Amino acid sequence: MQRAKAIEALRRCAVQRGRSSSLSHHRAFSAQPSYAQYDDVQDLVTVEGRAKSRAAILNRPSALNALNSSMAARLKRLYESWEDNPDIGFVLMKGSGRAFCAGADAVSLYQLVNEGNLDECKKFFETLYKFVYIQGTYLKPHVAIMDGITMGTGAGISIPGMFRVVTDKTIFSNPEAQIGFHPDAGASFYLSRLPGYLGEYLALTGDKLNGVEMIACRLATHYALNARLAMVEERLGNLVTDEPSVIETALAQYGDLVYLDRRSILSKLDIIDRCFSHDTIEEITDALEKEAADSYDEWCKTVLKKIKEASPLSLIVSLRSIREGRFQSLDQCLAREYRISLAAISNRVSSDFSEGVRARLVDKDFAPKWNPPSFKDVSKDMVDCYFSPLPEVEPELKLPTALREPFMQETDSPKK
């Protein structure tokens, strides 16, 4: 009842949210909403409809379902319309092919930056982060099936939701610092809340977690074998409910027991906490070198190699972002990440994003020339530039916190 009241209140506020009543006739509540002006992207995000639910399917398998501007905009429109529809009880998202979502389409952004089309890049980040915020404050239960590759933005559009299903095929990572960027789309919120300093470790190294490890550190809520997903989805599709407890029971019905491998990165949490709890990247690398010398642990040397391959500036920015995120709400994290992202693509301080994408994803020579080239060359002013308020001519990210947050407190959604 409280959720229904909140949805009705949000509907009444639609005009204030910038969604004027004149657009209401475009909001079809069928399994296949009609957006004639967006025909070119309907195939990239398809829709499955059941009696009481809707599923958004990321359908760009050749690009590992990497998100572009059109896909982010379509997801935002769909989720807004589904939230407003009282006939829909819950929402599901999944990917096609061997990936859930490999993150943002970094190559497309790289091309836009090279063409000088920064406005389109800004539009992408604005739309994406607004969608992530909708996910984090969604009034209906949400199920994300993170089967396969789930990187960066792929995690950002799924982890804020209520239920996160992983499988034996799931591969999770935040490799942004390795391409001269930073963990974004809410990453500074969810990474900073992982056990100990695991979030810092993942952000600075880009290391991967599997589905079992995601369950263990609570990035995911449910585990199912890839071979059983069809049964899971069929069971969900037959539900006629908006009750989280019923969805929880359905997911648990096909859940599988999981056991951490003794070689899991989570077995290294003590070392991670000792090394990654330090205040600066230099102190972290010094601690890792000392650990390697004292323990003769090859793992420490591997971690050091990953850090040394990443952009020095991006590592410092990423560490500060995660540390600030630990004390901020999701909307505050997104607003800060928006500033950082715009600074990264503007090349005001460094062109490391363009260079990282070129070296790792375009030319694939894997020999980026970072600028600044080392930690000692990164000044405080450089880093502060990424976190400073945007110029007056550059609007900050505006999220509808006044409209959504009060209603979140009236629902039985998990606390953030």
Foldseek 3Di string as FASTA:
>chain_A
DLLVVLLVLLVVCCVVVVNDPVCVVQLDPDQFRDDPVLVVCCQQWDWGDFQAEIETEREDVVQLSADAQSNLQVLQSVLNSLSNDPRHQEYEYAYPDQFRYQYHPLVVLLVCLVVVNVVRVLSSLLSLLQLLVCQLQPSFAYEYEGGHEQEQSSLLNHQSGFAYEFAQRYKYAYLQLLLVAARASLLLQVLLPWPANNSLLRGQQRHIDHRLVCCVRVSHPFYAYPVCVVVLVVQVSPDRHRDPVVNVVSRVVRGDDDDDDCPDCVVCVVLCNQQVVDDFPVSSLVSLVVCCVVPVDVVSVVSNVSNLSGALLRSRLRSVLSVVSNPDDSVVSSLLSSLLRSCQSNCPQHVSNSQSCCCCPNVVVSDGCHVVNHNVNDDPVSSVNSRDDDPPVDDTNDHPCVSRVVSSVSHPGDDD
